[in-house]
């Protein structure tokens, strides 16, 4: 089960991020060449690059959530004793879950509205719900990861993540990929 979760929450987002960034680089290079070499820019390139970056941000957020690496204001909480630290971590986790639920609720409504009205993006003429769905998917993914790793979030202990990274490194070393 852990391997499946790790695959879905780490390997898939990493692969998707790498793919999206590579596609963005190709589009950007083609647009620059088209604009300055052939005087024929790719009209939809800028819009698609923005959507790719939005997708990367929310895919990356799922990965960062899995690893417990979100930026936190933990100057005081790290200095607290065990019972108070756990209370602060529980409140922090509760706030994270509530923010995710809030964004999911309203993002779902907005994406549904875009889908039902058939709105398209201005230049590329893509379904607008796909682009805004990245926010919905990102926050849904973050919520699922927090719930799956609730014990890690409540204890503040993400050593299992280091074990995942070490296992990934070892397995790639054994298979000769490294």
C-alpha atoms as a PDB file:
ATOM      1  CA  UNK A   1       0.000   0.000   0.000  1.00  0.00           C
ATOM      2  CA  UNK A   2       2.838   2.399   0.880  1.00  0.00           C
ATOM      3  CA  UNK A   3       4.443   1.769  -2.516  1.00  0.00           C
ATOM      4  CA  UNK A   4       1.195   2.644  -4.291  1.00  0.00           C
ATOM      5  CA  UNK A   5       0.758   5.811  -2.233  1.00  0.00           C
ATOM      6  CA  UNK A   6       4.367   6.794  -2.800  1.00  0.00           C
ATOM      7  CA  UNK A   7       3.939   6.181  -6.524  1.00  0.00           C
ATOM      8  CA  UNK A   8       0.761   8.296  -6.713  1.00  0.00           C
ATOM      9  CA  UNK A   9       1.973  11.116  -4.468  1.00  0.00           C
ATOM     10  CA  UNK A  10       5.654  11.290  -5.408  1.00  0.00           C
ATOM     11  CA  UNK A  11       6.505   9.533  -8.682  1.00  0.00           C
ATOM     12  CA  UNK A  12       3.461  10.650 -10.685  1.00  0.00           C
ATOM     13  CA  UNK A  13       3.731  14.350  -9.721  1.00  0.00           C
ATOM     14  CA  UNK A  14       7.496  14.332 -10.360  1.00  0.00           C
ATOM     15  CA  UNK A  15       7.028  12.782 -13.797  1.00  0.00           C
ATOM     16  CA  UNK A  16       4.161  15.144 -14.637  1.00  0.00           C
ATOM     17  CA  UNK A  17       6.183  18.158 -13.465  1.00  0.00           C
ATOM     18  CA  UNK A  18       9.150  17.138 -15.575  1.00  0.00           C
ATOM     19  CA  UNK A  19       6.911  16.552 -18.586  1.00  0.00           C
ATOM     20  CA  UNK A  20       5.078  19.858 -18.228  1.00  0.00           C
ATOM     21  CA  UNK A  21       8.285  21.838 -17.773  1.00  0.00           C
ATOM     22  CA  UNK A  22       9.819  20.124 -20.818  1.00  0.00           C
ATOM     23  CA  UNK A  23       6.743  20.917 -22.901  1.00  0.00           C
ATOM     24  CA  UNK A  24       6.909  24.515 -21.682  1.00  0.00           C
ATOM     25  CA  UNK A  25      10.560  24.809 -22.696  1.00  0.00           C
ATOM     26  CA  UNK A  26       9.815  23.412 -26.174  1.00  0.00           C
ATOM     27  CA  UNK A  27       6.879  25.799 -26.647  1.00  0.00           C
ATOM     28  CA  UNK A  28       8.948  28.743 -25.431  1.00  0.00           C
ATOM     29  CA  UNK A  29      11.906  27.944 -27.719  1.00  0.00           C
ATOM     30  CA  UNK A  30       9.560  27.425 -30.679  1.00  0.00           C
ATOM     31  CA  UNK A  31       7.832  30.728 -29.935  1.00  0.00           C
ATOM     32  CA  UNK A  32      11.116  32.632 -29.678  1.00  0.00           C
ATOM     33  CA  UNK A  33      12.376  31.069 -32.911  1.00  0.00           C
ATOM     34  CA  UNK A  34       9.082  31.775 -34.640  1.00  0.00           C
ATOM     35  CA  UNK A  35       9.019  35.367 -33.438  1.00  0.00           C
ATOM     36  CA  UNK A  36      12.615  36.412 -34.062  1.00  0.00           C
ATOM     37  CA  UNK A  37      13.730  34.105 -36.868  1.00  0.00           C
ATOM     38  CA  UNK A  38      10.566  33.730 -38.931  1.00  0.00           C
ATOM     39  CA  UNK A  39       8.600  36.792 -37.772  1.00  0.00           C
ATOM     40  CA  UNK A  40       5.716  34.431 -37.031  1.00  0.00           C
ATOM     41  CA  UNK A  41       5.128  34.006 -33.277  1.00  0.00           C
ATOM     42  CA  UNK A  42       2.957  31.249 -31.910  1.00  0.00           C
ATOM     43  CA  UNK A  43      -0.139  33.181 -30.883  1.00  0.00           C
ATOM     44  CA  UNK A  44      -1.275  30.789 -28.139  1.00  0.00           C
ATOM     45  CA  UNK A  45       2.181  30.139 -26.617  1.00  0.00           C
ATOM     46  CA  UNK A  46       2.032  32.718 -23.807  1.00  0.00           C
ATOM     47  CA  UNK A  47      -1.387  31.577 -22.646  1.00  0.00           C
ATOM     48  CA  UNK A  48      -0.398  27.911 -22.647  1.00  0.00           C
ATOM     49  CA  UNK A  49       2.853  28.668 -20.794  1.00  0.00           C
ATOM     50  CA  UNK A  50       0.878  30.381 -18.044  1.00  0.00           C
ATOM     51  CA  UNK A  51      -1.426  27.365 -17.756  1.00  0.00           C
ATOM     52  CA  UNK A  52       1.565  25.014 -17.660  1.00  0.00           C
ATOM     53  CA  UNK A  53       3.078  27.022 -14.805  1.00  0.00           C
ATOM     54  CA  UNK A  54      -0.210  26.963 -12.898  1.00  0.00           C
ATOM     55  CA  UNK A  55      -0.369  23.204 -13.357  1.00  0.00           C
ATOM     56  CA  UNK A  56       3.222  22.873 -12.146  1.00  0.00           C
ATOM     57  CA  UNK A  57       2.502  24.912  -9.025  1.00  0.00           C
ATOM     58  CA  UNK A  58      -0.423  22.746  -7.979  1.00  0.00           C
ATOM     59  CA  UNK A  59       1.239  19.444  -8.887  1.00  0.00           C
ATOM     60  CA  UNK A  60       4.284  20.575  -6.945  1.00  0.00           C
ATOM     61  CA  UNK A  61       2.069  21.458  -4.004  1.00  0.00           C
ATOM     62  CA  UNK A  62       0.933  17.830  -3.782  1.00  0.00           C
ATOM     63  CA  UNK A  63       4.536  16.658  -3.767  1.00  0.00           C
ATOM     64  CA  UNK A  64       5.555  19.258  -1.172  1.00  0.00           C
ATOM     65  CA  UNK A  65       2.603  18.238   0.998  1.00  0.00           C
ATOM     66  CA  UNK A  66       3.664  14.583   0.851  1.00  0.00           C
ATOM     67  CA  UNK A  67       7.154  15.544   1.963  1.00  0.00           C
ATOM     68  CA  UNK A  68       5.869  17.913   4.679  1.00  0.00           C
ATOM     69  CA  UNK A  69       7.951  20.751   3.246  1.00  0.00           C
ATOM     70  CA  UNK A  70       5.410  23.595   3.145  1.00  0.00           C
ATOM     71  CA  UNK A  71       6.743  26.864   4.498  1.00  0.00           C
ATOM     72  CA  UNK A  72       5.690  27.241   8.120  1.00  0.00           C
ATOM     73  CA  UNK A  73       5.999  29.909  10.709  1.00  0.00           C
ATOM     74  CA  UNK A  74       7.395  27.519  13.304  1.00  0.00           C
ATOM     75  CA  UNK A  75       9.846  29.741  15.141  1.00  0.00           C
ATOM     76  CA  UNK A  76       7.903  29.376  18.387  1.00  0.00           C
ATOM     77  CA  UNK A  77       6.360  25.929  17.914  1.00  0.00           C
ATOM     78  CA  UNK A  78       9.758  24.251  17.559  1.00  0.00           C
ATOM     79  CA  UNK A  79      10.727  25.618  20.980  1.00  0.00           C
ATOM     80  CA  UNK A  80       7.563  24.422  22.722  1.00  0.00           C
ATOM     81  CA  UNK A  81       7.425  21.380  24.955  1.00  0.00           C
ATOM     82  CA  UNK A  82       5.869  18.172  23.718  1.00  0.00           C
ATOM     83  CA  UNK A  83       2.216  18.667  24.725  1.00  0.00           C
ATOM     84  CA  UNK A  84       2.083  22.266  23.464  1.00  0.00           C
ATOM     85  CA  UNK A  85       3.926  21.409  20.280  1.00  0.00           C
ATOM     86  CA  UNK A  86       1.390  18.666  19.525  1.00  0.00           C
ATOM     87  CA  UNK A  87      -1.468  21.087  20.133  1.00  0.00           C
ATOM     88  CA  UNK A  88       0.068  23.631  17.756  1.00  0.00           C
ATOM     89  CA  UNK A  89       0.683  20.914  15.133  1.00  0.00           C
ATOM     90  CA  UNK A  90      -2.915  19.716  15.494  1.00  0.00           C
ATOM     91  CA  UNK A  91      -4.225  23.269  15.029  1.00  0.00           C
ATOM     92  CA  UNK A  92      -1.878  23.754  12.071  1.00  0.00           C
ATOM     93  CA  UNK A  93      -3.119  20.536  10.474  1.00  0.00           C
ATOM     94  CA  UNK A  94      -6.738  21.466  11.153  1.00  0.00           C
ATOM     95  CA  UNK A  95      -6.202  24.864   9.516  1.00  0.00           C
ATOM     96  CA  UNK A  96      -4.563  23.163   6.507  1.00  0.00           C
ATOM     97  CA  UNK A  97      -7.513  20.775   6.132  1.00  0.00           C
ATOM     98  CA  UNK A  98     -10.073  23.577   6.513  1.00  0.00           C
ATOM     99  CA  UNK A  99      -8.342  25.755   3.902  1.00  0.00           C
ATOM    100  CA  UNK A 100      -8.221  22.794   1.516  1.00  0.00           C
ATOM    101  CA  UNK A 101     -11.923  22.074   2.073  1.00  0.00           C
ATOM    102  CA  UNK A 102     -12.821  25.738   1.544  1.00  0.00           C
ATOM    103  CA  UNK A 103     -10.873  26.005  -1.715  1.00  0.00           C
ATOM    104  CA  UNK A 104     -12.148  22.634  -2.954  1.00  0.00           C
ATOM    105  CA  UNK A 105     -15.751  23.647  -2.274  1.00  0.00           C
ATOM    106  CA  UNK A 106     -15.600  26.916  -4.182  1.00  0.00           C
ATOM    107  CA  UNK A 107     -13.237  25.673  -6.852  1.00  0.00           C
ATOM    108  CA  UNK A 108     -15.615  22.779  -7.579  1.00  0.00           C
ATOM    109  CA  UNK A 109     -18.499  25.231  -7.981  1.00  0.00           C
ATOM    110  CA  UNK A 110     -16.462  27.432 -10.327  1.00  0.00           C
ATOM    111  CA  UNK A 111     -15.107  24.552 -12.423  1.00  0.00           C
ATOM    112  CA  UNK A 112     -18.615  23.112 -12.695  1.00  0.00           C
ATOM    113  CA  UNK A 113     -19.932  26.505 -13.860  1.00  0.00           C
ATOM    114  CA  UNK A 114     -17.185  26.778 -16.477  1.00  0.00           C
ATOM    115  CA  UNK A 115     -17.932  23.244 -17.682  1.00  0.00           C
ATOM    116  CA  UNK A 116     -21.682  23.834 -17.919  1.00  0.00           C
ATOM    117  CA  UNK A 117     -21.302  27.116 -19.795  1.00  0.00           C
ATOM    118  CA  UNK A 118     -18.682  25.720 -22.153  1.00  0.00           C
ATOM    119  CA  UNK A 119     -16.319  28.657 -21.661  1.00  0.00           C
ATOM    120  CA  UNK A 120     -13.020  28.551 -23.503  1.00  0.00           C
ATOM    121  CA  UNK A 121      -9.708  30.278 -22.987  1.00  0.00           C
ATOM    122  CA  UNK A 122      -9.245  33.496 -24.930  1.00  0.00           C
ATOM    123  CA  UNK A 123      -6.498  32.581 -27.381  1.00  0.00           C
ATOM    124  CA  UNK A 124      -5.929  28.823 -27.318  1.00  0.00           C
ATOM    125  CA  UNK A 125      -9.684  28.086 -27.177  1.00  0.00           C
ATOM    126  CA  UNK A 126      -9.203  25.286 -24.643  1.00  0.00           C
ATOM    127  CA  UNK A 127     -11.999  24.394 -22.229  1.00  0.00           C
ATOM    128  CA  UNK A 128     -11.561  26.858 -19.359  1.00  0.00           C
ATOM    129  CA  UNK A 129     -12.574  24.268 -16.775  1.00  0.00           C
ATOM    130  CA  UNK A 130      -9.401  22.307 -17.535  1.00  0.00           C
ATOM    131  CA  UNK A 131      -7.190  25.210 -16.575  1.00  0.00           C
ATOM    132  CA  UNK A 132      -9.111  26.087 -13.427  1.00  0.00           C
ATOM    133  CA  UNK A 133      -9.363  22.401 -12.591  1.00  0.00           C
ATOM    134  CA  UNK A 134      -5.650  22.483 -11.731  1.00  0.00           C
ATOM    135  CA  UNK A 135      -6.507  24.413  -8.564  1.00  0.00           C
ATOM    136  CA  UNK A 136      -9.226  21.919  -7.679  1.00  0.00           C
ATOM    137  CA  UNK A 137      -6.922  18.964  -8.367  1.00  0.00           C
ATOM    138  CA  UNK A 138      -4.051  20.506  -6.413  1.00  0.00           C
ATOM    139  CA  UNK A 139      -6.044  21.238  -3.281  1.00  0.00           C
ATOM    140  CA  UNK A 140      -7.830  17.883  -3.490  1.00  0.00           C
ATOM    141  CA  UNK A 141      -4.470  16.156  -3.774  1.00  0.00           C
ATOM    142  CA  UNK A 142      -3.068  18.127  -0.839  1.00  0.00           C
ATOM    143  CA  UNK A 143      -6.109  17.260   1.301  1.00  0.00           C
ATOM    144  CA  UNK A 144      -5.811  13.564   0.479  1.00  0.00           C
ATOM    145  CA  UNK A 145      -2.094  13.582   1.268  1.00  0.00           C
ATOM    146  CA  UNK A 146      -2.635  15.331   4.610  1.00  0.00           C
ATOM    147  CA  UNK A 147      -5.297  12.783   5.516  1.00  0.00           C
ATOM    148  CA  UNK A 148      -3.117   9.869   4.396  1.00  0.00           C
ATOM    149  CA  UNK A 149      -0.150  11.195   6.361  1.00  0.00           C
ATOM    150  CA  UNK A 150      -2.146  12.551   9.284  1.00  0.00           C
ATOM    151  CA  UNK A 151       0.134  10.941  11.868  1.00  0.00           C
ATOM    152  CA  UNK A 152       3.168  12.642  10.289  1.00  0.00           C
ATOM    153  CA  UNK A 153       1.403  16.005  10.315  1.00  0.00           C
ATOM    154  CA  UNK A 154       0.266  15.627  13.920  1.00  0.00           C
ATOM    155  CA  UNK A 155       3.706  14.613  15.174  1.00  0.00           C
ATOM    156  CA  UNK A 156       5.742  16.816  12.845  1.00  0.00           C
ATOM    157  CA  UNK A 157       7.873  13.753  12.080  1.00  0.00           C
ATOM    158  CA  UNK A 158       8.503  13.246   8.395  1.00  0.00           C
ATOM    159  CA  UNK A 159      11.474  10.893   8.798  1.00  0.00           C
ATOM    160  CA  UNK A 160       9.515   8.355   6.757  1.00  0.00           C
ATOM    161  CA  UNK A 161       9.948  10.761   3.857  1.00  0.00           C
ATOM    162  CA  UNK A 162      13.716  10.583   4.219  1.00  0.00           C
ATOM    163  CA  UNK A 163      13.328   6.804   4.194  1.00  0.00           C
ATOM    164  CA  UNK A 164      11.347   7.084   0.963  1.00  0.00           C
ATOM    165  CA  UNK A 165      14.066   9.196  -0.603  1.00  0.00           C
ATOM    166  CA  UNK A 166      16.760   6.836   0.621  1.00  0.00           C
ATOM    167  CA  UNK A 167      14.798   3.854  -0.704  1.00  0.00           C
ATOM    168  CA  UNK A 168      14.354   5.609  -4.051  1.00  0.00           C
ATOM    169  CA  UNK A 169      18.099   6.287  -4.212  1.00  0.00           C
ATOM    170  CA  UNK A 170      18.983   2.720  -3.225  1.00  0.00           C
ATOM    171  CA  UNK A 171      16.595   1.151  -5.726  1.00  0.00           C
ATOM    172  CA  UNK A 172      17.863   3.364  -8.536  1.00  0.00           C
ATOM    173  CA  UNK A 173      21.435   2.467  -7.542  1.00  0.00           C
ATOM    174  CA  UNK A 174      20.644  -1.267  -7.560  1.00  0.00           C
ATOM    175  CA  UNK A 175      18.976  -1.173 -10.926  1.00  0.00           C
ATOM    176  CA  UNK A 176      21.899   0.654 -12.496  1.00  0.00           C
ATOM    177  CA  UNK A 177      19.887   3.794 -13.296  1.00  0.00           C
ATOM    178  CA  UNK A 178      21.982   6.103 -11.114  1.00  0.00           C
END
